Amino acid sequence: IDRALRSLLEAWRMEEMFGALCSACQRPLEIPFAAGWSFDRTRR
């Protein structure tokens, strides 16, 4: 996820709509694909 795709995610507010929230304080959890994100389900 580079700058262009990250800016698109921010412009469309994807993290706010679909990101997970902390169960205690309801703040958004860190994005799971900070440097790279795996499409391979066995890696997670």
PDB file of all heavy atoms in Angstrom:
ATOM      1  N   ILE A   1       0.866  -1.171   0.000  1.00  0.00           N
ATOM      2  CA  ILE A   1       0.000   0.000   0.000  1.00  0.00           C
ATOM      3  C   ILE A   1       0.903   1.222   0.000  1.00  0.00           C
ATOM      4  O   ILE A   1       1.566   1.512   0.986  1.00  0.00           O
ATOM      5  CB  ILE A   1      -0.915   0.016   1.242  1.00  0.00           C
ATOM      6  CG1 ILE A   1      -1.692  -1.280   1.372  1.00  0.00           C
ATOM      7  CG2 ILE A   1      -1.840   1.215   1.218  1.00  0.00           C
ATOM      8  CD1 ILE A   1      -2.635  -1.560   0.245  1.00  0.00           C
ATOM      9  N   ASP A   2       0.939   1.917  -1.109  1.00  0.00           N
ATOM     10  CA  ASP A   2       1.828   3.071  -1.216  1.00  0.00           C
ATOM     11  C   ASP A   2       1.050   4.363  -1.013  1.00  0.00           C
ATOM     12  O   ASP A   2      -0.103   4.358  -0.598  1.00  0.00           O
ATOM     13  CB  ASP A   2       2.557   3.061  -2.552  1.00  0.00           C
ATOM     14  CG  ASP A   2       1.636   3.351  -3.715  1.00  0.00           C
ATOM     15  OD1 ASP A   2       0.413   3.220  -3.540  1.00  0.00           O
ATOM     16  OD2 ASP A   2       2.122   3.706  -4.787  1.00  0.00           O
ATOM     17  N   ARG A   3       1.697   5.461  -1.288  1.00  0.00           N
ATOM     18  CA  ARG A   3       1.124   6.780  -1.046  1.00  0.00           C
ATOM     19  C   ARG A   3      -0.178   7.013  -1.815  1.00  0.00           C
ATOM     20  O   ARG A   3      -1.147   7.526  -1.257  1.00  0.00           O
ATOM     21  CB  ARG A   3       2.152   7.837  -1.428  1.00  0.00           C
ATOM     22  CG  ARG A   3       1.899   9.167  -0.823  1.00  0.00           C
ATOM     23  CD  ARG A   3       3.017  10.136  -1.095  1.00  0.00           C
ATOM     24  NE  ARG A   3       4.188   9.453  -1.643  1.00  0.00           N
ATOM     25  CZ  ARG A   3       5.113  10.023  -2.390  1.00  0.00           C
ATOM     26  NH1 ARG A   3       5.019  11.273  -2.688  1.00  0.00           N
ATOM     27  NH2 ARG A   3       6.144   9.340  -2.851  1.00  0.00           N
ATOM     28  N   ALA A   4      -0.227   6.635  -3.085  1.00  0.00           N
ATOM     29  CA  ALA A   4      -1.422   6.898  -3.901  1.00  0.00           C
ATOM     30  C   ALA A   4      -2.634   6.110  -3.388  1.00  0.00           C
ATOM     31  O   ALA A   4      -3.725   6.661  -3.245  1.00  0.00           O
ATOM     32  CB  ALA A   4      -1.147   6.556  -5.364  1.00  0.00           C
ATOM     33  N   LEU A   5      -2.417   4.843  -3.108  1.00  0.00           N
ATOM     34  CA  LEU A   5      -3.530   4.029  -2.629  1.00  0.00           C
ATOM     35  C   LEU A   5      -3.929   4.425  -1.212  1.00  0.00           C
ATOM     36  O   LEU A   5      -5.107   4.478  -0.876  1.00  0.00           O
ATOM     37  CB  LEU A   5      -3.149   2.550  -2.690  1.00  0.00           C
ATOM     38  CG  LEU A   5      -4.290   1.553  -2.658  1.00  0.00           C
ATOM     39  CD1 LEU A   5      -5.355   1.859  -3.698  1.00  0.00           C
ATOM     40  CD2 LEU A   5      -3.758   0.151  -2.864  1.00  0.00           C
ATOM     41  N   ARG A   6      -2.949   4.746  -0.370  1.00  0.00           N
ATOM     42  CA  ARG A   6      -3.260   5.192   0.989  1.00  0.00           C
ATOM     43  C   ARG A   6      -4.036   6.504   0.963  1.00  0.00           C
ATOM     44  O   ARG A   6      -4.986   6.688   1.709  1.00  0.00           O
ATOM     45  CB  ARG A   6      -1.993   5.358   1.816  1.00  0.00           C
ATOM     46  CG  ARG A   6      -2.346   5.861   3.199  1.00  0.00           C
ATOM     47  CD  ARG A   6      -1.389   5.543   4.280  1.00  0.00           C
ATOM     48  NE  ARG A   6      -0.848   4.241   4.364  1.00  0.00           N
ATOM     49  CZ  ARG A   6      -1.362   3.253   5.097  1.00  0.00           C
ATOM     50  NH1 ARG A   6      -2.476   3.449   5.740  1.00  0.00           N
ATOM     51  NH2 ARG A   6      -0.772   2.100   5.173  1.00  0.00           N
ATOM     52  N   SER A   7      -3.653   7.439   0.097  1.00  0.00           N
ATOM     53  CA  SER A   7      -4.385   8.710   0.019  1.00  0.00           C
ATOM     54  C   SER A   7      -5.808   8.480  -0.486  1.00  0.00           C
ATOM     55  O   SER A   7      -6.741   9.164  -0.056  1.00  0.00           O
ATOM     56  CB  SER A   7      -3.644   9.714  -0.853  1.00  0.00           C
ATOM     57  OG  SER A   7      -3.609   9.277  -2.191  1.00  0.00           O
ATOM     58  N   LEU A   8      -5.987   7.503  -1.364  1.00  0.00           N
ATOM     59  CA  LEU A   8      -7.327   7.160  -1.826  1.00  0.00           C
ATOM     60  C   LEU A   8      -8.159   6.594  -0.671  1.00  0.00           C
ATOM     61  O   LEU A   8      -9.321   6.967  -0.485  1.00  0.00           O
ATOM     62  CB  LEU A   8      -7.238   6.140  -2.959  1.00  0.00           C
ATOM     63  CG  LEU A   8      -8.544   5.686  -3.592  1.00  0.00           C
ATOM     64  CD1 LEU A   8      -9.216   6.844  -4.305  1.00  0.00           C
ATOM     65  CD2 LEU A   8      -8.294   4.548  -4.538  1.00  0.00           C
ATOM     66  N   LEU A   9      -7.558   5.728   0.127  1.00  0.00           N
ATOM     67  CA  LEU A   9      -8.264   5.168   1.290  1.00  0.00           C
ATOM     68  C   LEU A   9      -8.627   6.259   2.282  1.00  0.00           C
ATOM     69  O   LEU A   9      -9.702   6.241   2.879  1.00  0.00           O
ATOM     70  CB  LEU A   9      -7.397   4.107   1.975  1.00  0.00           C
ATOM     71  CG  LEU A   9      -7.114   2.840   1.170  1.00  0.00           C
ATOM     72  CD1 LEU A   9      -6.114   1.968   1.910  1.00  0.00           C
ATOM     73  CD2 LEU A   9      -8.383   2.087   0.879  1.00  0.00           C
ATOM     74  N   GLU A  10      -7.734   7.222   2.472  1.00  0.00           N
ATOM     75  CA  GLU A  10      -8.023   8.330   3.389  1.00  0.00           C
ATOM     76  C   GLU A  10      -9.088   9.260   2.835  1.00  0.00           C
ATOM     77  O   GLU A  10      -9.959   9.719   3.569  1.00  0.00           O
ATOM     78  CB  GLU A  10      -6.742   9.098   3.684  1.00  0.00           C
ATOM     79  CG  GLU A  10      -5.776   8.331   4.559  1.00  0.00           C
ATOM     80  CD  GLU A  10      -4.427   9.016   4.699  1.00  0.00           C
ATOM     81  OE1 GLU A  10      -4.244  10.119   4.135  1.00  0.00           O
ATOM     82  OE2 GLU A  10      -3.558   8.439   5.365  1.00  0.00           O
ATOM     83  N   ALA A  11      -9.031   9.544   1.532  1.00  0.00           N
ATOM     84  CA  ALA A  11     -10.021  10.436   0.924  1.00  0.00           C
ATOM     85  C   ALA A  11     -11.423   9.836   0.993  1.00  0.00           C
ATOM     86  O   ALA A  11     -12.403  10.558   1.201  1.00  0.00           O
ATOM     87  CB  ALA A  11      -9.642  10.728  -0.530  1.00  0.00           C
ATOM     88  N   TRP A  12     -11.522   8.530   0.839  1.00  0.00           N
ATOM     89  CA  TRP A  12     -12.816   7.866   0.889  1.00  0.00           C
ATOM     90  C   TRP A  12     -13.192   7.452   2.309  1.00  0.00           C
ATOM     91  O   TRP A  12     -14.238   6.842   2.508  1.00  0.00           O
ATOM     92  CB  TRP A  12     -12.829   6.651  -0.029  1.00  0.00           C
ATOM     93  CG  TRP A  12     -12.879   6.995  -1.479  1.00  0.00           C
ATOM     94  CD1 TRP A  12     -13.132   8.218  -2.027  1.00  0.00           C
ATOM     95  CD2 TRP A  12     -12.656   6.109  -2.566  1.00  0.00           C
ATOM     96  NE1 TRP A  12     -13.091   8.141  -3.392  1.00  0.00           N
ATOM     97  CE2 TRP A  12     -12.796   6.854  -3.756  1.00  0.00           C
ATOM     98  CE3 TRP A  12     -12.356   4.765  -2.663  1.00  0.00           C
ATOM     99  CZ2 TRP A  12     -12.654   6.295  -5.010  1.00  0.00           C
ATOM    100  CZ3 TRP A  12     -12.208   4.208  -3.915  1.00  0.00           C
ATOM    101  CH2 TRP A  12     -12.362   4.962  -5.073  1.00  0.00           C
ATOM    102  N   ARG A  13     -12.352   7.752   3.284  1.00  0.00           N
ATOM    103  CA  ARG A  13     -12.588   7.469   4.711  1.00  0.00           C
ATOM    104  C   ARG A  13     -12.859   5.987   4.960  1.00  0.00           C
ATOM    105  O   ARG A  13     -13.744   5.606   5.729  1.00  0.00           O
ATOM    106  CB  ARG A  13     -13.728   8.314   5.241  1.00  0.00           C
ATOM    107  CG  ARG A  13     -13.478   9.781   5.051  1.00  0.00           C
ATOM    108  CD  ARG A  13     -14.642  10.623   5.449  1.00  0.00           C
ATOM    109  NE  ARG A  13     -14.090  11.759   6.187  1.00  0.00           N
ATOM    110  CZ  ARG A  13     -14.673  12.296   7.204  1.00  0.00           C
ATOM    111  NH1 ARG A  13     -15.812  11.854   7.628  1.00  0.00           N
ATOM    112  NH2 ARG A  13     -14.114  13.315   7.816  1.00  0.00           N
ATOM    113  N   MET A  14     -12.081   5.142   4.312  1.00  0.00           N
ATOM    114  CA  MET A  14     -12.265   3.701   4.426  1.00  0.00           C
ATOM    115  C   MET A  14     -11.971   3.209   5.838  1.00  0.00           C
ATOM    116  O   MET A  14     -12.679   2.356   6.354  1.00  0.00           O
ATOM    117  CB  MET A  14     -11.364   2.970   3.423  1.00  0.00           C
ATOM    118  CG  MET A  14     -11.691   3.237   1.978  1.00  0.00           C
ATOM    119  SD  MET A  14     -13.247   2.515   1.469  1.00  0.00           S
ATOM    120  CE  MET A  14     -12.906   0.796   1.641  1.00  0.00           C
ATOM    121  N   GLU A  15     -10.929   3.726   6.455  1.00  0.00           N
ATOM    122  CA  GLU A  15     -10.567   3.282   7.802  1.00  0.00           C
ATOM    123  C   GLU A  15     -11.670   3.608   8.801  1.00  0.00           C
ATOM    124  O   GLU A  15     -11.971   2.817   9.682  1.00  0.00           O
ATOM    125  CB  GLU A  15      -9.249   3.935   8.223  1.00  0.00           C
ATOM    126  CG  GLU A  15      -8.751   3.505   9.568  1.00  0.00           C
ATOM    127  CD  GLU A  15      -8.382   2.033   9.638  1.00  0.00           C
ATOM    128  OE1 GLU A  15      -8.080   1.430   8.594  1.00  0.00           O
ATOM    129  OE2 GLU A  15      -8.410   1.495  10.749  1.00  0.00           O
ATOM    130  N   GLU A  16     -12.288   4.775   8.653  1.00  0.00           N
ATOM    131  CA  GLU A  16     -13.362   5.158   9.564  1.00  0.00           C
ATOM    132  C   GLU A  16     -14.600   4.296   9.360  1.00  0.00           C
ATOM    133  O   GLU A  16     -15.320   3.994  10.306  1.00  0.00           O
ATOM    134  CB  GLU A  16     -13.711   6.631   9.373  1.00  0.00           C
ATOM    135  CG  GLU A  16     -12.588   7.561   9.769  1.00  0.00           C
ATOM    136  CD  GLU A  16     -12.822   8.983   9.296  1.00  0.00           C
ATOM    137  OE1 GLU A  16     -13.983   9.312   8.966  1.00  0.00           O
ATOM    138  OE2 GLU A  16     -11.851   9.739   9.245  1.00  0.00           O
ATOM    139  N   MET A  17     -14.873   3.905   8.110  1.00  0.00           N
ATOM    140  CA  MET A  17     -16.070   3.116   7.837  1.00  0.00           C
ATOM    141  C   MET A  17     -15.892   1.642   8.175  1.00  0.00           C
ATOM    142  O   MET A  17     -16.791   1.026   8.732  1.00  0.00           O
ATOM    143  CB  MET A  17     -16.454   3.240   6.360  1.00  0.00           C
ATOM    144  CG  MET A  17     -17.119   4.542   6.003  1.00  0.00           C
ATOM    145  SD  MET A  17     -17.969   4.482   4.422  1.00  0.00           S
ATOM    146  CE  MET A  17     -16.645   4.307   3.270  1.00  0.00           C
ATOM    147  N   PHE A  18     -14.736   1.067   7.826  1.00  0.00           N
ATOM    148  CA  PHE A  18     -14.586  -0.379   7.905  1.00  0.00           C
ATOM    149  C   PHE A  18     -13.495  -0.848   8.858  1.00  0.00           C
ATOM    150  O   PHE A  18     -13.349  -2.042   9.076  1.00  0.00           O
ATOM    151  CB  PHE A  18     -14.307  -0.952   6.515  1.00  0.00           C
ATOM    152  CG  PHE A  18     -15.424  -0.703   5.558  1.00  0.00           C
ATOM    153  CD1 PHE A  18     -15.310   0.283   4.588  1.00  0.00           C
ATOM    154  CD2 PHE A  18     -16.594  -1.432   5.634  1.00  0.00           C
ATOM    155  CE1 PHE A  18     -16.348   0.522   3.711  1.00  0.00           C
ATOM    156  CE2 PHE A  18     -17.633  -1.192   4.761  1.00  0.00           C
ATOM    157  CZ  PHE A  18     -17.513  -0.212   3.788  1.00  0.00           C
ATOM    158  N   GLY A  19     -12.726   0.061   9.400  1.00  0.00           N
ATOM    159  CA  GLY A  19     -11.664  -0.332  10.314  1.00  0.00           C
ATOM    160  C   GLY A  19     -12.214  -0.842  11.635  1.00  0.00           C
ATOM    161  O   GLY A  19     -13.285  -0.445  12.088  1.00  0.00           O
ATOM    162  N   ALA A  20     -11.471  -1.718  12.258  1.00  0.00           N
ATOM    163  CA  ALA A  20     -11.885  -2.280  13.543  1.00  0.00           C
ATOM    164  C   ALA A  20     -11.685  -1.240  14.646  1.00  0.00           C
ATOM    165  O   ALA A  20     -10.777  -0.419  14.589  1.00  0.00           O
ATOM    166  CB  ALA A  20     -11.058  -3.521  13.843  1.00  0.00           C
ATOM    167  N   LEU A  21     -12.557  -1.282  15.653  1.00  0.00           N
ATOM    168  CA  LEU A  21     -12.474  -0.377  16.794  1.00  0.00           C
ATOM    169  C   LEU A  21     -12.033  -1.147  18.025  1.00  0.00           C
ATOM    170  O   LEU A  21     -12.334  -2.323  18.184  1.00  0.00           O
ATOM    171  CB  LEU A  21     -13.838   0.276  17.052  1.00  0.00           C
ATOM    172  CG  LEU A  21     -14.407   1.126  15.932  1.00  0.00           C
ATOM    173  CD1 LEU A  21     -15.803   1.609  16.310  1.00  0.00           C
ATOM    174  CD2 LEU A  21     -13.505   2.295  15.619  1.00  0.00           C
ATOM    175  N   CYS A  22     -11.340  -0.455  18.908  1.00  0.00           N
ATOM    176  CA  CYS A  22     -10.920  -1.022  20.177  1.00  0.00           C
ATOM    177  C   CYS A  22     -12.170  -1.352  20.998  1.00  0.00           C
ATOM    178  O   CYS A  22     -13.091  -0.532  21.089  1.00  0.00           O
ATOM    179  CB  CYS A  22     -10.026  -0.041  20.921  1.00  0.00           C
ATOM    180  SG  CYS A  22      -9.567  -0.576  22.573  1.00  0.00           S
ATOM    181  N   SER A  23     -12.196  -2.524  21.604  1.00  0.00           N
ATOM    182  CA  SER A  23     -13.360  -2.949  22.387  1.00  0.00           C
ATOM    183  C   SER A  23     -13.536  -2.136  23.661  1.00  0.00           C
ATOM    184  O   SER A  23     -14.634  -2.066  24.198  1.00  0.00           O
ATOM    185  CB  SER A  23     -13.236  -4.430  22.743  1.00  0.00           C
ATOM    186  OG  SER A  23     -13.249  -5.202  21.573  1.00  0.00           O
ATOM    187  N   ALA A  24     -12.470  -1.519  24.160  1.00  0.00           N
ATOM    188  CA  ALA A  24     -12.551  -0.764  25.405  1.00  0.00           C
ATOM    189  C   ALA A  24     -12.810   0.722  25.175  1.00  0.00           C
ATOM    190  O   ALA A  24     -13.715   1.297  25.762  1.00  0.00           O
ATOM    191  CB  ALA A  24     -11.278  -0.946  26.216  1.00  0.00           C
ATOM    192  N   CYS A  25     -12.022   1.362  24.299  1.00  0.00           N
ATOM    193  CA  CYS A  25     -12.107   2.822  24.171  1.00  0.00           C
ATOM    194  C   CYS A  25     -12.745   3.285  22.863  1.00  0.00           C
ATOM    195  O   CYS A  25     -12.944   4.477  22.656  1.00  0.00           O
ATOM    196  CB  CYS A  25     -10.719   3.436  24.303  1.00  0.00           C
ATOM    197  SG  CYS A  25      -9.601   3.004  22.944  1.00  0.00           S
ATOM    198  N   GLN A  26     -13.044   2.358  21.958  1.00  0.00           N
ATOM    199  CA  GLN A  26     -13.702   2.643  20.680  1.00  0.00           C
ATOM    200  C   GLN A  26     -12.860   3.496  19.726  1.00  0.00           C
ATOM    201  O   GLN A  26     -13.397   4.076  18.794  1.00  0.00           O
ATOM    202  CB  GLN A  26     -15.078   3.293  20.893  1.00  0.00           C
ATOM    203  CG  GLN A  26     -16.033   2.431  21.677  1.00  0.00           C
ATOM    204  CD  GLN A  26     -16.256   1.081  21.016  1.00  0.00           C
ATOM    205  OE1 GLN A  26     -16.532   1.006  19.841  1.00  0.00           O
ATOM    206  NE2 GLN A  26     -16.107   0.014  21.780  1.00  0.00           N
ATOM    207  N   ARG A  27     -11.555   3.564  19.945  1.00  0.00           N
ATOM    208  CA  ARG A  27     -10.681   4.236  18.980  1.00  0.00           C
ATOM    209  C   ARG A  27     -10.358   3.257  17.859  1.00  0.00           C
ATOM    210  O   ARG A  27     -10.321   2.042  18.087  1.00  0.00           O
ATOM    211  CB  ARG A  27      -9.381   4.686  19.646  1.00  0.00           C
ATOM    212  CG  ARG A  27      -9.555   5.885  20.542  1.00  0.00           C
ATOM    213  CD  ARG A  27      -8.233   6.353  21.033  1.00  0.00           C
ATOM    214  NE  ARG A  27      -7.607   5.255  21.797  1.00  0.00           N
ATOM    215  CZ  ARG A  27      -6.618   5.407  22.634  1.00  0.00           C
ATOM    216  NH1 ARG A  27      -6.090   6.581  22.834  1.00  0.00           N
ATOM    217  NH2 ARG A  27      -6.118   4.370  23.286  1.00  0.00           N
ATOM    218  N   PRO A  28     -10.100   3.753  16.657  1.00  0.00           N
ATOM    219  CA  PRO A  28      -9.748   2.834  15.570  1.00  0.00           C
ATOM    220  C   PRO A  28      -8.436   2.112  15.856  1.00  0.00           C
ATOM    221  O   PRO A  28      -7.491   2.701  16.367  1.00  0.00           O
ATOM    222  CB  PRO A  28      -9.596   3.752  14.349  1.00  0.00           C
ATOM    223  CG  PRO A  28     -10.266   5.020  14.716  1.00  0.00           C
ATOM    224  CD  PRO A  28     -10.224   5.133  16.208  1.00  0.00           C
ATOM    225  N   LEU A  29      -8.431   0.816  15.536  1.00  0.00           N
ATOM    226  CA  LEU A  29      -7.199   0.047  15.651  1.00  0.00           C
ATOM    227  C   LEU A  29      -6.278   0.412  14.505  1.00  0.00           C
ATOM    228  O   LEU A  29      -6.709   0.943  13.479  1.00  0.00           O
ATOM    229  CB  LEU A  29      -7.492  -1.446  15.628  1.00  0.00           C
ATOM    230  CG  LEU A  29      -8.263  -1.991  16.821  1.00  0.00           C
ATOM    231  CD1 LEU A  29      -8.559  -3.472  16.603  1.00  0.00           C
ATOM    232  CD2 LEU A  29      -7.485  -1.795  18.098  1.00  0.00           C
ATOM    233  N   GLU A  30      -5.024   0.090  14.657  1.00  0.00           N
ATOM    234  CA  GLU A  30      -4.034   0.385  13.624  1.00  0.00           C
ATOM    235  C   GLU A  30      -4.396  -0.353  12.349  1.00  0.00           C
ATOM    236  O   GLU A  30      -4.886  -1.479  12.376  1.00  0.00           O
ATOM    237  CB  GLU A  30      -2.662  -0.066  14.114  1.00  0.00           C
ATOM    238  CG  GLU A  30      -1.542   0.284  13.190  1.00  0.00           C
ATOM    239  CD  GLU A  30      -0.214  -0.129  13.785  1.00  0.00           C
ATOM    240  OE1 GLU A  30       0.013   0.130  14.971  1.00  0.00           O
ATOM    241  OE2 GLU A  30       0.585  -0.714  13.035  1.00  0.00           O
ATOM    242  N   ILE A  31      -4.121   0.272  11.202  1.00  0.00           N
ATOM    243  CA  ILE A  31      -4.397  -0.348   9.908  1.00  0.00           C
ATOM    244  C   ILE A  31      -3.594  -1.636   9.794  1.00  0.00           C
ATOM    245  O   ILE A  31      -2.417  -1.651  10.095  1.00  0.00           O
ATOM    246  CB  ILE A  31      -4.032   0.621   8.766  1.00  0.00           C
ATOM    247  CG1 ILE A  31      -5.165   1.582   8.557  1.00  0.00           C
ATOM    248  CG2 ILE A  31      -3.713  -0.094   7.493  1.00  0.00           C
ATOM    249  CD1 ILE A  31      -4.985   2.506   7.400  1.00  0.00           C
ATOM    250  N   PRO A  32      -4.221  -2.747   9.362  1.00  0.00           N
ATOM    251  CA  PRO A  32      -3.502  -4.014   9.315  1.00  0.00           C
ATOM    252  C   PRO A  32      -2.498  -4.115   8.187  1.00  0.00           C
ATOM    253  O   PRO A  32      -1.760  -5.058   8.115  1.00  0.00           O
ATOM    254  CB  PRO A  32      -4.623  -5.041   9.133  1.00  0.00           C
ATOM    255  CG  PRO A  32      -5.708  -4.287   8.477  1.00  0.00           C
ATOM    256  CD  PRO A  32      -5.606  -2.874   8.999  1.00  0.00           C
ATOM    257  N   PHE A  33      -2.468  -3.152   7.278  1.00  0.00           N
ATOM    258  CA  PHE A  33      -1.569  -3.240   6.139  1.00  0.00           C
ATOM    259  C   PHE A  33      -0.617  -2.063   6.117  1.00  0.00           C
ATOM    260  O   PHE A  33      -0.449  -1.415   5.100  1.00  0.00           O
ATOM    261  CB  PHE A  33      -2.356  -3.314   4.826  1.00  0.00           C
ATOM    262  CG  PHE A  33      -3.489  -2.344   4.748  1.00  0.00           C
ATOM    263  CD1 PHE A  33      -3.294  -1.035   4.356  1.00  0.00           C
ATOM    264  CD2 PHE A  33      -4.756  -2.749   5.073  1.00  0.00           C
ATOM    265  CE1 PHE A  33      -4.331  -0.154   4.287  1.00  0.00           C
ATOM    266  CE2 PHE A  33      -5.804  -1.856   5.004  1.00  0.00           C
ATOM    267  CZ  PHE A  33      -5.596  -0.574   4.611  1.00  0.00           C
ATOM    268  N   ALA A  34       0.039  -1.798   7.233  1.00  0.00           N
ATOM    269  CA  ALA A  34       0.898  -0.619   7.349  1.00  0.00           C
ATOM    270  C   ALA A  34       1.978  -0.604   6.276  1.00  0.00           C
ATOM    271  O   ALA A  34       2.114   0.351   5.537  1.00  0.00           O
ATOM    272  CB  ALA A  34       1.527  -0.571   8.733  1.00  0.00           C
ATOM    273  N   ALA A  35       2.761  -1.651   6.159  1.00  0.00           N
ATOM    274  CA  ALA A  35       3.818  -1.669   5.150  1.00  0.00           C
ATOM    275  C   ALA A  35       3.402  -2.528   3.960  1.00  0.00           C
ATOM    276  O   ALA A  35       3.595  -2.157   2.823  1.00  0.00           O
ATOM    277  CB  ALA A  35       5.101  -2.203   5.757  1.00  0.00           C
ATOM    278  N   GLY A  36       2.828  -3.648   4.228  1.00  0.00           N
ATOM    279  CA  GLY A  36       2.364  -4.540   3.182  1.00  0.00           C
ATOM    280  C   GLY A  36       1.246  -5.388   3.721  1.00  0.00           C
ATOM    281  O   GLY A  36       1.165  -5.617   4.921  1.00  0.00           O
ATOM    282  N   TRP A  37       0.377  -5.859   2.888  1.00  0.00           N
ATOM    283  CA  TRP A  37      -0.756  -6.641   3.330  1.00  0.00           C
ATOM    284  C   TRP A  37      -0.795  -7.908   2.523  1.00  0.00           C
ATOM    285  O   TRP A  37      -0.629  -7.900   1.316  1.00  0.00           O
ATOM    286  CB  TRP A  37      -2.030  -5.844   3.141  1.00  0.00           C
ATOM    287  CG  TRP A  37      -3.211  -6.487   3.742  1.00  0.00           C
ATOM    288  CD1 TRP A  37      -3.578  -6.447   5.047  1.00  0.00           C
ATOM    289  CD2 TRP A  37      -4.202  -7.261   3.077  1.00  0.00           C
ATOM    290  NE1 TRP A  37      -4.721  -7.148   5.242  1.00  0.00           N
ATOM    291  CE2 TRP A  37      -5.127  -7.653   4.055  1.00  0.00           C
ATOM    292  CE3 TRP A  37      -4.386  -7.661   1.769  1.00  0.00           C
ATOM    293  CZ2 TRP A  37      -6.227  -8.426   3.748  1.00  0.00           C
ATOM    294  CZ3 TRP A  37      -5.475  -8.425   1.468  1.00  0.00           C
ATOM    295  CH2 TRP A  37      -6.393  -8.797   2.441  1.00  0.00           C
ATOM    296  N   SER A  38      -1.026  -8.997   3.150  1.00  0.00           N
ATOM    297  CA  SER A  38      -0.980 -10.290   2.490  1.00  0.00           C
ATOM    298  C   SER A  38      -2.372 -10.726   2.058  1.00  0.00           C
ATOM    299  O   SER A  38      -3.315 -10.652   2.828  1.00  0.00           O
ATOM    300  CB  SER A  38      -0.381 -11.317   3.437  1.00  0.00           C
ATOM    301  OG  SER A  38      -0.498 -12.598   2.887  1.00  0.00           O
ATOM    302  N   PHE A  39      -2.484 -11.184   0.821  1.00  0.00           N
ATOM    303  CA  PHE A  39      -3.733 -11.763   0.350  1.00  0.00           C
ATOM    304  C   PHE A  39      -3.810 -13.238   0.720  1.00  0.00           C
ATOM    305  O   PHE A  39      -4.824 -13.856   0.600  1.00  0.00           O
ATOM    306  CB  PHE A  39      -3.853 -11.643  -1.179  1.00  0.00           C
ATOM    307  CG  PHE A  39      -4.215 -10.278  -1.618  1.00  0.00           C
ATOM    308  CD1 PHE A  39      -3.251  -9.403  -2.060  1.00  0.00           C
ATOM    309  CD2 PHE A  39      -5.521  -9.850  -1.584  1.00  0.00           C
ATOM    310  CE1 PHE A  39      -3.587  -8.139  -2.469  1.00  0.00           C
ATOM    311  CE2 PHE A  39      -5.865  -8.589  -1.984  1.00  0.00           C
ATOM    312  CZ  PHE A  39      -4.892  -7.737  -2.430  1.00  0.00           C
ATOM    313  N   ASP A  40      -2.703 -13.798   1.156  1.00  0.00           N
ATOM    314  CA  ASP A  40      -2.646 -15.203   1.515  1.00  0.00           C
ATOM    315  C   ASP A  40      -3.169 -15.368   2.931  1.00  0.00           C
ATOM    316  O   ASP A  40      -2.541 -14.938   3.888  1.00  0.00           O
ATOM    317  CB  ASP A  40      -1.199 -15.689   1.414  1.00  0.00           C
ATOM    318  CG  ASP A  40      -1.073 -17.170   1.670  1.00  0.00           C
ATOM    319  OD1 ASP A  40      -2.117 -17.836   1.825  1.00  0.00           O
ATOM    320  OD2 ASP A  40       0.069 -17.658   1.710  1.00  0.00           O
ATOM    321  N   ARG A  41      -4.332 -15.982   3.100  1.00  0.00           N
ATOM    322  CA  ARG A  41      -4.981 -16.106   4.398  1.00  0.00           C
ATOM    323  C   ARG A  41      -4.156 -16.945   5.372  1.00  0.00           C
ATOM    324  O   ARG A  41      -4.289 -16.819   6.572  1.00  0.00           O
ATOM    325  CB  ARG A  41      -6.364 -16.726   4.247  1.00  0.00           C
ATOM    326  CG  ARG A  41      -7.278 -15.919   3.373  1.00  0.00           C
ATOM    327  CD  ARG A  41      -8.022 -14.920   4.211  1.00  0.00           C
ATOM    328  NE  ARG A  41      -9.001 -14.251   3.373  1.00  0.00           N
ATOM    329  CZ  ARG A  41      -9.038 -12.955   3.214  1.00  0.00           C
ATOM    330  NH1 ARG A  41      -8.168 -12.201   3.809  1.00  0.00           N
ATOM    331  NH2 ARG A  41      -9.956 -12.393   2.465  1.00  0.00           N
ATOM    332  N   THR A  42      -3.292 -17.822   4.858  1.00  0.00           N
ATOM    333  CA  THR A  42      -2.519 -18.673   5.755  1.00  0.00           C
ATOM    334  C   THR A  42      -1.419 -17.895   6.456  1.00  0.00           C
ATOM    335  O   THR A  42      -0.918 -18.338   7.477  1.00  0.00           O
ATOM    336  CB  THR A  42      -1.876 -19.842   4.981  1.00  0.00           C
ATOM    337  OG1 THR A  42      -1.008 -19.310   3.973  1.00  0.00           O
ATOM    338  CG2 THR A  42      -2.938 -20.711   4.346  1.00  0.00           C
ATOM    339  N   ARG A  43      -1.052 -16.751   5.978  1.00  0.00           N
ATOM    340  CA  ARG A  43       0.002 -15.963   6.604  1.00  0.00           C
ATOM    341  C   ARG A  43      -0.496 -15.197   7.821  1.00  0.00           C
ATOM    342  O   ARG A  43       0.279 -14.784   8.644  1.00  0.00           O
ATOM    343  CB  ARG A  43       0.587 -14.959   5.612  1.00  0.00           C
ATOM    344  CG  ARG A  43       1.391 -15.604   4.533  1.00  0.00           C
ATOM    345  CD  ARG A  43       2.081 -14.545   3.739  1.00  0.00           C
ATOM    346  NE  ARG A  43       2.696 -15.118   2.561  1.00  0.00           N
ATOM    347  CZ  ARG A  43       3.364 -14.430   1.691  1.00  0.00           C
ATOM    348  NH1 ARG A  43       3.529 -13.138   1.849  1.00  0.00           N
ATOM    349  NH2 ARG A  43       3.901 -15.008   0.644  1.00  0.00           N
ATOM    350  N   ARG A  44      -1.797 -14.972   7.918  1.00  0.00           N
ATOM    351  CA  ARG A  44      -2.350 -14.222   9.044  1.00  0.00           C
ATOM    352  C   ARG A  44      -2.868 -15.201  10.083  1.00  0.00           C
ATOM    353  O   ARG A  44      -4.033 -15.540  10.084  1.00  0.00           O
ATOM    354  CB  ARG A  44      -3.460 -13.295   8.569  1.00  0.00           C
ATOM    355  CG  ARG A  44      -2.955 -12.201   7.666  1.00  0.00           C
ATOM    356  CD  ARG A  44      -4.008 -11.185   7.404  1.00  0.00           C
ATOM    357  NE  ARG A  44      -5.064 -11.767   6.575  1.00  0.00           N
ATOM    358  CZ  ARG A  44      -6.288 -11.304   6.524  1.00  0.00           C
ATOM    359  NH1 ARG A  44      -6.637 -10.264   7.219  1.00  0.00           N
ATOM    360  NH2 ARG A  44      -7.192 -11.865   5.748  1.00  0.00           N
TER     361      ARG A  44
END
